[in-house]
Amino acid sequence: MIYIFLANGFEEVEARATVDVLRSADLNVKIVGVGSDVITGAHGISTVCDATDVDLTPGEDDIEAVILPGGMPGTLNLERSDKVNAFIDYAFENGKLLCAICAAPSILGHKGMLKGKKAVCFPGFESELEGAELSESFVVSHGNIITAKGMGSAVKFGLAIASVLVGEAKAKKIEESLQCS
């Protein structure tokens, strides 16, 4: 199962585009609301989630990936959640895919998870990526961590995640079907 956590103030395109790409790859994605089953994004667009954070425990299902969209104050709200942090820690400690876009890589940086890894984030958050080797790319994969700059790279972020989980060939077919190349 792939878990994408949404907290009030999340960046809608980063979450929705990523989910769309992953579901196009026939992957099981669970949209998890932090504190509610309806979460409102940074631009006032509400999303009905598949579950709430209180309904879940890390390790209860086979976790393939944990995804954190950015946006403000969504990133701060994700970082304040004990349950989100428990899922991040579980994914990191068990070598599962850990993915963050926009401001959300700062959460991984604060936890020391980016030390010695290539990473990227929304411009202005670089100092929050403690110990990371900063990249100018829009999407960066390093080991089990994928980071991306922001909304404009959301489809490529989803494709990078899909590439790891279903293979490059299938991800390339999805990219072509989306008219990205």
Protein backbone atom coordinates (compact mmCIF):
# COMPACT_ATOMS: atom_id res chain seq x y z
CA MET A 1 0.00 0.00 0.00
CA ILE A 2 1.13 3.54 -0.79
CA TYR A 3 0.14 6.17 1.76
CA ILE A 4 -0.11 9.84 0.82
CA PHE A 5 -0.79 12.07 3.80
CA LEU A 6 -2.80 15.27 3.41
CA ALA A 7 -2.98 17.96 6.07
CA ASN A 8 -4.91 21.22 5.85
CA GLY A 9 -3.00 23.64 3.64
CA PHE A 10 -1.46 20.98 1.35
CA GLU A 11 -0.60 21.86 -2.27
CA GLU A 12 -3.47 20.33 -4.23
CA VAL A 13 -1.73 19.68 -7.56
CA GLU A 14 1.23 17.97 -5.87
CA ALA A 15 -1.09 15.52 -4.15
CA ARG A 16 -3.65 14.99 -6.89
CA ALA A 17 -1.23 14.66 -9.81
CA THR A 18 0.88 12.19 -7.86
CA VAL A 19 -2.15 10.07 -6.94
CA ASP A 20 -3.42 10.20 -10.53
CA VAL A 21 -0.09 8.98 -11.95
CA LEU A 22 0.24 6.19 -9.37
CA ARG A 23 -3.32 4.97 -9.84
CA SER A 24 -2.72 5.04 -13.61
CA ALA A 25 0.07 2.57 -12.86
CA ASP A 26 -2.51 0.33 -11.13
CA LEU A 27 -0.91 0.94 -7.73
CA ASN A 28 -2.88 0.91 -4.49
CA VAL A 29 -2.81 4.42 -3.08
CA LYS A 30 -4.54 5.37 0.14
CA ILE A 31 -5.18 9.09 0.65
CA VAL A 32 -4.92 9.72 4.39
CA GLY A 33 -6.33 12.82 6.04
CA VAL A 34 -4.54 14.17 9.09
CA GLY A 35 -7.23 14.76 11.70
CA SER A 36 -10.21 14.49 9.34
CA ASP A 37 -11.51 12.65 6.31
CA VAL A 38 -11.99 15.95 4.45
CA ILE A 39 -8.85 18.06 4.06
CA THR A 40 -8.74 21.52 2.52
CA GLY A 41 -5.74 22.48 0.45
CA ALA A 42 -3.81 25.72 0.29
CA HIS A 43 -6.10 27.02 -2.48
CA GLY A 44 -9.40 26.10 -0.87
CA ILE A 45 -9.93 22.81 -2.74
CA SER A 46 -11.20 20.08 -0.41
CA THR A 47 -10.37 16.41 -0.79
CA VAL A 48 -12.34 13.50 0.64
CA CYS A 49 -9.75 11.04 1.91
CA ASP A 50 -9.83 7.25 1.93
CA ALA A 51 -8.95 7.13 5.63
CA THR A 52 -7.88 9.30 8.53
CA ASP A 53 -4.58 9.05 10.32
CA VAL A 54 -6.26 7.79 13.50
CA ASP A 55 -7.49 4.72 11.58
CA LEU A 56 -3.97 3.54 10.70
CA THR A 57 -0.89 2.06 12.31
CA PRO A 58 2.47 1.78 10.55
CA GLY A 59 3.36 -1.82 9.77
CA GLU A 60 -0.27 -2.93 9.89
CA ASP A 61 -0.36 -3.18 6.05
CA ASP A 62 2.50 -3.84 3.69
CA ILE A 63 3.80 -0.28 3.21
CA GLU A 64 5.41 0.26 -0.16
CA ALA A 65 5.76 4.03 0.09
CA VAL A 66 4.96 7.10 2.16
CA ILE A 67 4.35 10.34 0.24
CA LEU A 68 4.31 13.87 1.62
CA PRO A 69 2.98 16.71 -0.56
CA GLY A 70 4.12 20.22 0.24
CA GLY A 71 2.24 23.47 0.50
CA MET A 72 1.84 25.81 3.41
CA PRO A 73 0.77 25.38 6.08
CA GLY A 74 0.26 21.76 4.99
CA THR A 75 3.92 20.85 5.41
CA LEU A 76 3.98 22.26 8.94
CA ASN A 77 0.77 20.40 9.77
CA LEU A 78 2.24 17.12 8.48
CA GLU A 79 5.38 17.62 10.55
CA ARG A 80 3.32 18.24 13.72
CA SER A 81 1.48 14.93 13.34
CA ASP A 82 2.76 12.11 15.53
CA LYS A 83 1.08 9.58 13.22
CA VAL A 84 2.70 11.00 10.07
CA ASN A 85 6.07 10.95 11.83
CA ALA A 86 5.50 7.32 12.86
CA PHE A 87 4.87 6.38 9.20
CA ILE A 88 7.93 8.34 8.04
CA ASP A 89 10.10 6.62 10.66
CA TYR A 90 8.72 3.20 9.79
CA ALA A 91 9.37 3.71 6.06
CA PHE A 92 12.88 5.02 6.67
CA GLU A 93 13.85 2.28 9.12
CA ASN A 94 12.47 -0.48 6.88
CA GLY A 95 13.92 0.74 3.58
CA LYS A 96 10.53 1.62 2.11
CA LEU A 97 10.12 4.39 -0.43
CA LEU A 98 9.93 7.82 1.20
CA CYS A 99 8.81 10.64 -1.09
CA ALA A 100 8.42 14.38 -0.46
CA ILE A 101 7.79 17.35 -2.74
CA CYS A 102 8.01 21.14 -2.45
CA ALA A 103 8.47 22.18 1.21
CA ALA A 104 7.87 18.65 2.54
CA PRO A 105 11.48 17.45 2.07
CA SER A 106 12.20 19.80 4.99
CA ILE A 107 10.46 17.27 7.24
CA LEU A 108 12.96 14.60 6.20
CA GLY A 109 15.81 17.08 6.62
CA HIS A 110 14.74 17.94 10.16
CA LYS A 111 14.74 14.22 10.98
CA GLY A 112 18.30 13.78 9.61
CA MET A 113 17.11 11.42 6.88
CA LEU A 114 18.75 13.35 4.03
CA LYS A 115 22.31 13.31 5.35
CA GLY A 116 24.63 12.34 2.51
CA LYS A 117 21.76 12.01 0.04
CA LYS A 118 20.98 14.05 -3.06
CA ALA A 119 17.77 16.01 -2.57
CA VAL A 120 15.79 18.97 -3.84
CA CYS A 121 12.99 21.15 -2.50
CA PHE A 122 11.05 24.31 -3.21
CA PRO A 123 13.48 27.24 -3.50
CA GLY A 124 14.03 28.86 -0.13
CA PHE A 125 13.83 25.64 1.91
CA GLU A 126 17.33 24.40 1.07
CA SER A 127 18.69 25.21 4.56
CA GLU A 128 16.07 22.83 6.00
CA LEU A 129 17.52 19.83 4.12
CA GLU A 130 20.12 19.18 6.81
CA GLY A 131 23.13 17.30 5.47
CA ALA A 132 21.73 16.82 1.97
CA GLU A 133 23.67 17.21 -1.25
CA LEU A 134 21.47 19.80 -2.97
CA SER A 135 20.49 19.27 -6.59
CA GLU A 136 19.21 21.61 -9.28
CA SER A 137 17.06 18.86 -10.82
CA PHE A 138 13.29 19.00 -10.58
CA VAL A 139 13.05 15.43 -9.23
CA VAL A 140 15.82 13.53 -7.44
CA SER A 141 15.99 9.85 -6.48
CA HIS A 142 18.66 8.70 -4.04
CA GLY A 143 18.31 5.26 -2.56
CA ASN A 144 14.82 4.91 -1.15
CA ILE A 145 14.16 8.68 -1.06
CA ILE A 146 12.56 10.72 -3.85
CA THR A 147 12.27 14.50 -3.57
CA ALA A 148 10.92 17.12 -5.97
CA LYS A 149 10.84 20.91 -6.29
CA GLY A 150 7.16 21.72 -6.45
CA MET A 151 3.84 21.80 -8.23
CA GLY A 152 5.35 22.07 -11.71
CA SER A 153 7.24 18.83 -11.19
CA ALA A 154 4.34 16.87 -9.66
CA VAL A 155 3.73 14.60 -12.67
CA LYS A 156 7.45 13.81 -12.97
CA PHE A 157 7.50 13.15 -9.21
CA GLY A 158 4.65 10.65 -9.61
CA LEU A 159 6.42 9.05 -12.57
CA ALA A 160 9.65 8.69 -10.57
CA ILE A 161 7.72 6.92 -7.81
CA ALA A 162 5.93 4.71 -10.34
CA SER A 163 9.23 3.86 -12.01
CA VAL A 164 10.55 2.40 -8.75
CA LEU A 165 7.35 0.48 -7.98
CA VAL A 166 6.30 -0.83 -11.41
CA GLY A 167 9.43 -0.42 -13.52
CA GLU A 168 10.73 2.14 -15.95
CA ALA A 169 8.99 0.64 -19.00
CA LYS A 170 5.50 0.93 -17.50
CA ALA A 171 6.25 4.40 -16.13
CA LYS A 172 7.42 5.48 -19.60
CA LYS A 173 4.14 4.24 -21.13
CA ILE A 174 2.18 6.23 -18.55
CA GLU A 175 4.31 9.31 -19.28
CA GLU A 176 3.58 8.97 -23.00
CA SER A 177 -0.15 8.52 -22.35
CA LEU A 178 -0.14 11.73 -20.28
CA GLN A 179 1.46 13.60 -23.20
CA CYS A 180 4.52 14.51 -21.11
CA SER A 181 7.06 13.60 -23.76
